[in-house]
Protein backbone atom coordinates (compact mmCIF):
# COMPACT_ATOMS: atom_id res chain seq x y z
CA MET A 1 -95.75 26.76 -26.35
CA THR A 2 -96.27 29.54 -23.84
CA THR A 3 -95.63 27.13 -20.98
CA LEU A 4 -92.29 26.09 -22.41
CA LEU A 5 -91.20 29.71 -22.84
CA LEU A 6 -92.08 30.55 -19.24
CA GLU A 7 -90.37 27.48 -17.83
CA PRO A 8 -86.89 28.17 -16.35
CA THR A 9 -83.91 27.25 -18.49
CA ALA A 10 -82.36 25.04 -15.75
CA SER A 11 -85.61 23.09 -15.48
CA LEU A 12 -85.62 22.48 -19.23
CA ARG A 13 -82.01 21.27 -19.10
CA ARG A 14 -82.79 18.78 -16.34
CA ARG A 15 -85.82 17.46 -18.20
CA ALA A 16 -83.84 17.17 -21.44
CA ALA A 17 -81.15 15.18 -19.61
CA HIS A 18 -83.55 12.26 -19.21
CA PRO A 19 -83.43 9.70 -22.06
CA ARG A 20 -86.41 9.43 -24.38
CA ARG A 21 -87.40 6.04 -23.00
CA CYS A 22 -87.37 7.41 -19.44
CA GLU A 23 -90.46 6.37 -17.46
CA CYS A 24 -89.78 8.51 -14.39
CA ASP A 25 -92.71 10.29 -12.78
CA ARG A 26 -92.81 13.85 -14.15
CA ASP A 27 -93.00 15.32 -10.64
CA THR A 28 -89.61 13.79 -9.83
CA LEU A 29 -87.66 14.94 -12.90
CA GLN A 30 -86.27 18.07 -11.23
CA THR A 31 -85.26 16.45 -7.93
CA PRO A 32 -81.53 16.23 -7.01
CA TRP A 33 -79.44 13.58 -8.78
CA LYS A 34 -82.45 12.17 -10.67
CA ALA A 35 -81.36 13.10 -14.22
CA GLU A 36 -77.80 11.81 -13.75
CA MET A 37 -78.92 8.54 -12.16
CA CYS A 38 -81.46 8.07 -14.93
CA GLN A 39 -78.77 8.43 -17.58
CA ILE A 40 -76.53 5.91 -15.80
CA LEU A 41 -79.35 3.38 -15.54
CA HIS A 42 -80.13 3.75 -19.27
CA ALA A 43 -76.49 3.44 -20.34
CA ARG A 44 -76.07 0.71 -22.95
CA THR A 45 -72.44 -0.27 -22.29
CA ARG A 46 -70.33 -0.70 -19.19
CA SER A 47 -67.79 1.90 -20.35
CA GLU A 48 -70.55 4.45 -20.94
CA LYS A 49 -71.98 3.76 -17.50
CA ARG A 50 -68.55 4.16 -15.88
CA ALA A 51 -67.96 7.47 -17.66
CA LEU A 52 -71.37 8.82 -16.61
CA LEU A 53 -70.78 7.67 -13.04
CA ASP A 54 -67.43 9.52 -12.92
CA GLU A 55 -69.13 12.66 -14.26
CA PHE A 56 -71.84 12.37 -11.61
CA LEU A 57 -69.31 12.05 -8.76
CA SER A 58 -67.36 15.02 -10.08
CA ALA A 59 -70.36 17.27 -10.74
CA HIS A 60 -71.98 16.67 -7.32
CA GLU A 61 -68.85 16.52 -5.21
CA ALA A 62 -70.06 19.18 -2.77
CA ALA A 63 -73.52 17.64 -2.30
CA ILE A 64 -72.02 14.16 -1.88
CA ALA A 65 -69.59 15.55 0.70
CA ARG A 66 -72.54 16.82 2.78
CA VAL A 67 -74.20 13.40 2.60
CA LEU A 68 -70.95 11.70 3.64
CA LYS A 69 -70.45 14.11 6.53
CA ARG A 70 -73.90 13.30 7.93
CA ALA A 71 -73.40 9.55 7.48
CA GLN A 72 -69.96 9.78 9.06
CA HIS A 73 -71.26 11.71 12.06
CA ILE A 74 -74.32 9.51 12.69
CA SER A 75 -72.31 6.28 12.21
CA HIS A 76 -69.56 7.47 14.62
CA LEU A 77 -66.75 7.05 12.09
CA ASP A 78 -63.41 8.77 12.45
CA TYR A 79 -63.92 12.28 11.06
CA ARG A 80 -60.38 12.22 9.63
CA ASP A 81 -60.93 9.06 7.55
CA LYS A 82 -62.68 10.44 4.46
CA ASP A 83 -61.81 7.48 2.23
CA LEU A 84 -63.63 4.92 4.39
CA VAL A 85 -67.04 6.59 4.33
CA PHE A 86 -66.62 7.40 0.61
CA SER A 87 -65.96 3.72 -0.12
CA TYR A 88 -69.16 2.78 1.73
CA PHE A 89 -71.05 5.42 -0.24
CA GLY A 90 -69.69 4.02 -3.51
CA ASP A 91 -70.63 0.48 -2.45
CA ALA A 92 -74.14 1.61 -1.53
CA LEU A 93 -74.49 3.51 -4.81
CA MET A 94 -73.47 0.49 -6.92
CA ARG A 95 -75.77 -1.83 -4.97
CA MET A 96 -78.70 0.53 -5.49
CA LEU A 97 -77.92 0.84 -9.20
CA GLU A 98 -77.56 -2.89 -9.82
CA THR A 99 -80.08 -4.45 -7.44
CA ARG A 100 -82.77 -1.84 -6.70
CA TRP A 101 -83.07 0.73 -9.48
CA ARG A 102 -82.27 -1.20 -12.66
CA ALA A 103 -85.12 -2.98 -14.46
CA LYS A 104 -84.61 -6.74 -14.26
CA SER A 105 -86.25 -7.45 -17.64
CA GLY A 106 -85.60 -5.35 -20.76
CA PRO A 107 -84.28 -1.78 -20.89
CA GLY A 108 -85.32 0.98 -18.53
CA THR A 109 -85.57 1.38 -14.78
CA SER A 110 -87.58 -0.26 -12.03
CA PRO A 111 -90.77 1.40 -10.65
CA VAL A 112 -88.89 1.85 -7.37
CA PHE A 113 -86.58 4.35 -9.05
CA ASN A 114 -89.22 5.92 -11.30
CA TYR A 115 -91.14 7.35 -8.33
CA SER A 116 -88.14 8.16 -6.12
CA ARG A 117 -87.65 11.86 -5.44
CA ASN A 118 -85.24 11.81 -2.46
CA LEU A 119 -82.18 10.02 -3.86
CA PRO A 120 -79.62 11.79 -1.56
CA THR A 121 -81.58 10.69 1.52
CA ILE A 122 -81.95 7.13 0.20
CA LEU A 123 -78.24 6.82 -0.54
CA GLU A 124 -77.30 8.27 2.85
CA ALA A 125 -79.54 5.73 4.60
CA GLU A 126 -78.12 2.92 2.46
CA THR A 127 -74.54 4.01 3.30
CA ARG A 128 -75.31 3.99 7.01
CA TYR A 129 -76.98 0.58 6.65
CA TRP A 130 -73.85 -1.06 5.20
CA ILE A 131 -71.64 0.60 7.82
CA ARG A 132 -73.96 -0.75 10.51
CA GLU A 133 -73.94 -4.25 8.97
CA ASP A 134 -70.14 -4.43 8.77
CA ARG A 135 -69.85 -3.21 12.34
CA ARG A 136 -72.37 -5.82 13.50
CA LYS A 137 -70.37 -8.57 11.76
CA GLY A 138 -67.14 -7.38 13.34
CA LEU A 139 -65.66 -6.19 10.03
CA LEU A 140 -65.40 -2.57 11.12
CA ASN A 141 -63.84 -1.07 14.22
CA GLY A 142 -66.56 0.73 16.13
CA THR A 143 -64.36 2.92 18.33
CA ALA A 144 -62.21 4.97 15.91
CA GLY A 145 -62.56 8.65 16.70
CA VAL A 146 -65.72 8.17 18.77
CA PRO A 147 -66.07 10.37 21.89
CA GLY A 148 -65.78 8.18 24.96
CA ASP A 149 -63.19 5.83 23.40
CA SER A 150 -64.57 2.27 23.63
CA SER A 151 -68.09 3.14 24.77
CA HIS A 152 -69.55 1.56 21.62
CA ASP A 153 -67.65 -1.72 22.03
CA ARG A 154 -69.50 -2.64 25.21
CA ARG A 155 -68.67 -6.32 25.17
CA ALA A 156 -64.90 -5.77 24.80
CA LYS A 157 -64.99 -3.24 27.62
CA LEU A 158 -66.92 -5.63 29.88
CA VAL A 159 -64.58 -8.55 29.13
CA LYS A 160 -61.59 -6.36 29.98
CA ARG A 161 -63.24 -5.46 33.29
CA SER A 162 -63.98 -9.14 34.04
CA ARG A 163 -60.33 -10.01 33.41
CA GLU A 164 -59.22 -7.27 35.82
CA LEU A 165 -61.65 -8.46 38.52
CA PHE A 166 -60.50 -12.07 38.15
CA GLU A 167 -56.83 -11.06 38.43
CA ALA A 168 -57.58 -8.95 41.52
CA GLU A 169 -59.51 -11.79 43.14
CA HIS A 170 -57.22 -14.74 42.30
CA ALA A 171 -53.87 -12.92 41.86
CA ARG A 172 -53.22 -14.60 38.52
CA THR A 173 -54.18 -14.33 34.84
CA PRO A 174 -57.26 -16.40 33.97
CA SER A 175 -57.30 -19.04 31.26
CA ASP A 176 -59.83 -18.71 28.44
CA VAL A 177 -62.20 -21.21 30.09
CA GLU A 178 -61.97 -19.46 33.45
CA LEU A 179 -62.46 -16.03 31.92
CA VAL A 180 -65.54 -17.12 29.97
CA ASP A 181 -67.08 -18.75 33.04
CA PHE A 182 -66.25 -15.79 35.31
CA HIS A 183 -67.49 -13.17 32.84
CA ASN A 184 -70.77 -14.93 31.99
CA THR A 185 -71.51 -15.58 35.66
CA ARG A 186 -70.95 -11.87 36.38
CA MET A 187 -73.20 -10.85 33.50
CA TYR A 188 -76.03 -13.16 34.59
CA ALA A 189 -75.76 -11.75 38.10
CA THR A 190 -75.69 -8.07 37.11
CA ARG A 191 -77.89 -7.96 33.99
CA LYS A 192 -81.63 -8.34 33.72
CA ASP A 193 -81.39 -10.29 30.44
CA ALA A 194 -77.75 -10.90 29.57
CA ALA A 195 -78.50 -13.10 26.55
CA ARG A 196 -80.53 -10.43 24.77
CA GLN A 197 -78.06 -7.65 25.61
CA SER A 198 -75.23 -9.35 23.66
CA VAL A 199 -72.78 -9.28 26.55
CA LEU A 200 -72.09 -13.03 26.88
CA ILE A 201 -68.93 -14.52 25.38
CA THR A 202 -67.70 -17.93 24.22
CA ILE A 203 -64.25 -19.50 24.03
CA ARG A 204 -64.50 -19.57 20.22
CA GLY A 205 -65.06 -15.81 20.06
CA LEU A 206 -62.37 -15.00 22.60
CA GLY A 207 -59.35 -15.71 20.37
CA SER A 208 -56.80 -12.97 20.02
CA LEU A 209 -56.54 -11.16 16.70
CA ARG A 210 -53.53 -11.80 14.48
CA SER A 211 -52.68 -10.68 10.96
CA ILE A 212 -52.60 -13.39 8.27
CA PRO A 213 -51.18 -12.74 4.77
CA LEU A 214 -53.80 -13.16 2.07
CA GLU A 215 -51.48 -15.43 0.08
CA ASP A 216 -50.98 -17.77 3.06
CA PRO A 217 -52.46 -21.22 2.18
CA SER A 218 -53.25 -21.83 5.85
CA LEU A 219 -55.95 -19.18 5.55
CA PHE A 220 -58.35 -21.84 4.35
CA GLY A 221 -57.70 -23.91 7.44
CA GLU A 222 -58.92 -21.11 9.71
CA ASP A 223 -62.61 -21.71 10.45
CA ARG A 224 -63.33 -18.06 11.24
CA LEU A 225 -61.81 -16.79 7.99
CA ALA A 226 -62.48 -19.49 5.41
CA TRP A 227 -65.76 -19.36 3.51
CA ARG A 228 -67.55 -22.59 2.83
CA ASP A 229 -70.24 -22.35 0.21
CA VAL A 230 -72.98 -24.76 1.26
CA PRO A 231 -75.81 -25.05 -1.29
CA ASP A 232 -79.25 -24.15 -0.04
CA GLU A 233 -81.37 -27.13 -1.04
CA GLY A 234 -84.68 -25.47 -0.16
CA ALA A 235 -84.04 -22.20 -2.02
CA SER A 236 -85.84 -23.23 -5.23
CA GLU A 237 -88.88 -24.44 -3.29
CA ARG A 238 -89.14 -21.23 -1.30
CA THR A 239 -88.75 -19.21 -4.50
CA GLU A 240 -91.68 -21.05 -6.07
CA ARG A 241 -93.84 -20.39 -3.02
CA ILE A 242 -92.93 -16.71 -3.08
CA ARG A 243 -93.86 -16.56 -6.77
CA ALA A 244 -97.24 -18.04 -5.82
CA ILE A 245 -97.64 -15.33 -3.16
CA VAL A 246 -96.86 -12.58 -5.69
CA ALA A 247 -99.28 -14.15 -8.18
CA GLU A 248 -102.01 -14.20 -5.52
CA CYS A 249 -101.32 -10.52 -4.79
CA ALA A 250 -101.55 -9.69 -8.51
CA ARG A 251 -104.87 -11.55 -8.72
CA ARG A 252 -106.25 -9.53 -5.80
CA ASP A 253 -105.01 -6.31 -7.43
CA ALA A 254 -106.92 -7.21 -10.61
CA GLU A 255 -110.08 -7.97 -8.64
CA ARG A 256 -109.79 -4.70 -6.76
CA GLU A 257 -109.37 -2.71 -9.97
CA ALA A 258 -112.31 -4.49 -11.62
CA ALA A 259 -114.57 -3.77 -8.64
CA ARG A 260 -113.59 -0.09 -8.51
CA ILE A 261 -116.57 2.13 -9.36
CA ARG A 262 -114.92 5.54 -9.73
CA ALA A 263 -111.48 6.55 -10.91
CA PRO A 264 -108.99 7.05 -8.04
CA LYS A 265 -107.65 10.52 -7.29
CA ARG A 266 -104.13 9.15 -6.87
CA GLN A 267 -102.09 6.29 -8.28
CA PRO A 268 -102.92 3.24 -6.12
CA VAL A 269 -100.13 1.11 -4.68
CA MET A 270 -100.28 -2.43 -6.06
CA MET A 271 -100.06 -5.27 -3.56
CA ALA A 272 -97.94 -7.25 -6.02
CA SER A 273 -95.38 -4.40 -6.14
CA VAL A 274 -95.16 -4.38 -2.35
CA ALA A 275 -94.72 -8.17 -2.33
CA ARG A 276 -91.92 -8.06 -4.92
CA VAL A 277 -89.98 -5.45 -2.94
CA PHE A 278 -90.62 -7.29 0.35
CA PHE A 279 -89.27 -10.61 -0.98
CA ALA A 280 -86.54 -9.10 -3.19
CA HIS A 281 -83.73 -10.31 -0.90
CA HIS A 282 -85.34 -13.33 0.71
CA GLY A 283 -82.40 -15.47 -0.42
CA GLU A 284 -80.12 -13.56 1.98
CA GLY A 285 -82.72 -13.69 4.74
CA GLU A 286 -83.33 -9.93 4.61
CA PHE A 287 -86.84 -8.50 4.75
CA PRO A 288 -87.49 -4.73 4.79
CA THR A 289 -89.53 -2.94 7.42
CA ARG A 290 -92.60 -0.87 6.58
CA LYS A 291 -90.47 2.30 6.64
CA GLU A 292 -87.96 0.74 4.24
CA LEU A 293 -90.78 -0.39 1.93
CA VAL A 294 -92.08 3.18 1.76
CA ALA A 295 -88.58 4.42 0.88
CA GLU A 296 -88.03 1.69 -1.72
CA LEU A 297 -91.34 2.34 -3.46
CA GLY A 298 -90.80 6.10 -3.35
CA VAL A 299 -94.21 6.78 -1.79
CA THR A 300 -94.75 10.26 -0.40
CA GLN A 301 -98.51 10.63 0.14
CA PRO A 302 -99.84 9.63 3.60
CA ALA A 303 -102.73 7.66 2.08
CA SER A 304 -100.32 5.61 -0.04
CA ARG A 305 -98.15 4.92 3.00
CA ARG A 306 -101.18 3.61 4.89
CA GLU A 307 -102.02 1.50 1.86
CA ILE A 308 -98.55 -0.06 1.95
CA GLY A 309 -99.06 -0.97 5.61
CA SER A 310 -102.41 -2.58 4.81
CA HIS A 311 -100.90 -4.50 1.88
CA LEU A 312 -98.00 -5.67 4.04
CA ASN A 313 -100.35 -7.10 6.67
CA GLU A 314 -102.27 -8.98 3.97
CA ILE A 315 -99.04 -10.25 2.37
CA LEU A 316 -97.89 -11.59 5.74
CA ARG A 317 -101.21 -13.41 6.20
CA ILE A 318 -100.88 -15.00 2.75
CA SER A 319 -97.27 -15.92 3.50
CA ARG A 320 -98.18 -17.61 6.78
CA ARG A 321 -100.69 -19.79 4.97
CA GLN A 322 -98.21 -20.53 2.19
CA PHE A 323 -95.45 -21.52 4.66
CA ALA A 324 -97.70 -23.13 7.26
CA ASP A 325 -95.80 -26.43 7.11
CA TYR A 326 -92.56 -24.59 7.93
CA GLN A 327 -94.08 -23.37 11.19
CA ILE A 328 -95.23 -26.89 12.10
CA ASN A 329 -91.81 -28.41 11.36
CA SER A 330 -90.00 -25.77 13.33
């Protein structure tokens, strides 16, 4: 009783904001955004979740603005375009809520969220990741408001220079075939490894940009814009093999716990948990790095981080044995 009386009122309010069935680590209850995110994840209906999400965005407008400013600066976005970076932040927030932090079976939250204490940093990194992905796919202009104009669109700048050199040398405008041949020859001659530096071009990728109305039926005849959903015939087989890998990791976790002589001073990191996070997005061909695994699992202690690295090496060895026939066929 004495402890409760001495505890600050704000701390009590934050702890009371967590639902009764909250399984968050007690050391993380007072960290920024944790109570609000926990309430959203435990919301029973979609309307309740939407209302809580609006309250969160309104209550933490200033803190979110600081996160967006850092993401905007690091990602070289136009400092005047506030709506663009906010839309990426909202997309990252919804993806984290639906795919990373929500428990996939039954009510509650995933262990990844339960031990997370740096939600602003995680969401900033996730926002920058999706900006980087869209820019890599050509869905986002990389030069808006960036000092040095087109310094980040190296390939476009190099192609423009190749066109100017061709016109100066031949006194005429090159055709697409001539420009591709001239540019690639110049890149091979002036670059140590042109293929790996992403400076080579093709005729297919050289087409000029033109606006197409979304309601235009000819949209589906454009190969670069139309989406063709081709079923992945080997997805179910790979999923079964990955389940076998996770089961093997769980078996080794059980053996390790049974062989343990003394109680650990810290909560050990389970190999099966690392495997589940590592293969969470295998269907999209995305596998996290060790640094991303540490962030996803919310690990803060150095010993636990080293344990994740050790588990990851063992998981990769098990995976190589499980997919050995894939290596032979390839």
